[in-house]
Amino acid sequence: MLRRLIWLGVRIAVAVALVVVTCGYAITGVHTDVLLGAGCGVAIGVGVGLRGGSGSRPWTGILIGSIVGIVTAFLTGGLSVGWGIIVPPLLPLAVGLIDGLDRSSFSGYRDVIRETFILAVLLSLGFIPALVVGDFYLAPLVAATPLLVMPWTALLIGLLSRRREGWDDARPPWLLVLGAAALPVLMGLLFGFGVVQEDVGLSGIAHVLWIVFTLVISLLLIPVLAFLGGRTAATWLRPRLQVYGQLAAYLRVMWVPIGGFAAGYLTIIFLFAGFYGTLERLRPGAFSDAGTGLADWVSFAFFTALAQDYAAIIPVSTGARMLVGLHLILSVGWALVLFAAVMTSIEPKLARIARRHAEEDAD
């Protein structure tokens, strides 16, 4: 059991890291920002994917972890947002994605508090690799930011969700309200005493109004938009992602025929790569800008099989053109003949799968 969970967590982590790292480097070249996005994405993805339940499957962890990781890399690398400031939108975004994918997950403030706390812990763990590499002197405070923001986020999400069907709690727990109130007070003190430095050229009442406006935007508007945006996007995706679950049964039936087609197609490509290279050796000049090795001829044969021009090599002689024409005929014929044979052989299996899905939908 433990070995299976470890292997599942490794697969989720690899999938999320692959998506986030590649997208992260497309956004920014700062290694620590990419590492931060990958750390947060992997932590959220593995945590969500291993929890179990109706809405927490491996693909759910991969999806949510990838979105959170990419958004993290975009905020820090693309928008140059401070690491401690990305948590107010990031935490409600993750909760909103989970809520949208599993509408039965939240039935009261207790569920919201539990889910928000778990995600806050996972985000804190995701901060650690980048903080260790970056050697920030405020690393402990930055890593603890998700936990500091958690009560405020849970209160906002509860207030936004309490009118939904199946919601049990009429009022939030007073301990949650007390913990949530500490965050704006703390942020106000930080701004008021100049711990958070920013010269906006204001003084007196104007400076106080600027602080209030900043707190409203950062602690109210942005988290609310992040949660609603994540929940709306996940709600829209949920029925569309279910289609892939049904496609899995079809793909299992077609896996062997697809492999057979690929094997035959690649065999034709490698065979004609040898023919092209042999013709050029025996009749130099049959191809212009001819390749010098097997890799070049395989590339030429691959594009020829797809009926695409290969810019570097062009058939010049009559024999080369006839060979290319024969290659095209065999490639197209292989695709058409095998496709017809495969559909004929697997059609009864596909019909049984379709009937089973129809019966499940009817139930």
Foldseek 3Di string as FASTA:
>chain_A
DVVVLVVLLVVLLVLLLVLQLVLLVVQADDPLQSLLLSLLLSLQLSVQCSPDDDQRHNVLSSVLSNVLSNVSSCVCGVVVDDLLLVLLLSLLLSVLLSCQQPVPQDQELVSLLVVSQSSLLSSLRSNPVSCVVVVDPCNVVSSCSSVLQSLLLSVLVRVVPCPDPNHDDPDDDPVSVVSNVVVLVVQLVCQVVCVPPDCPPDDDPVSVVVSVVVCCVRRPVSNVCSNVVSNVVNNVCNVVVVVVVLVVQVCVLCVVLVVVLVVVLLVLLLVLLVVVVVCCVVPPPQKALDDDDSVRSSVCSVCLLVVHDDVRIDGDDPVSVVSSVVSNVVSVVSVVVSVVVSCVVCVVVVVVSVVVVVVVVVD
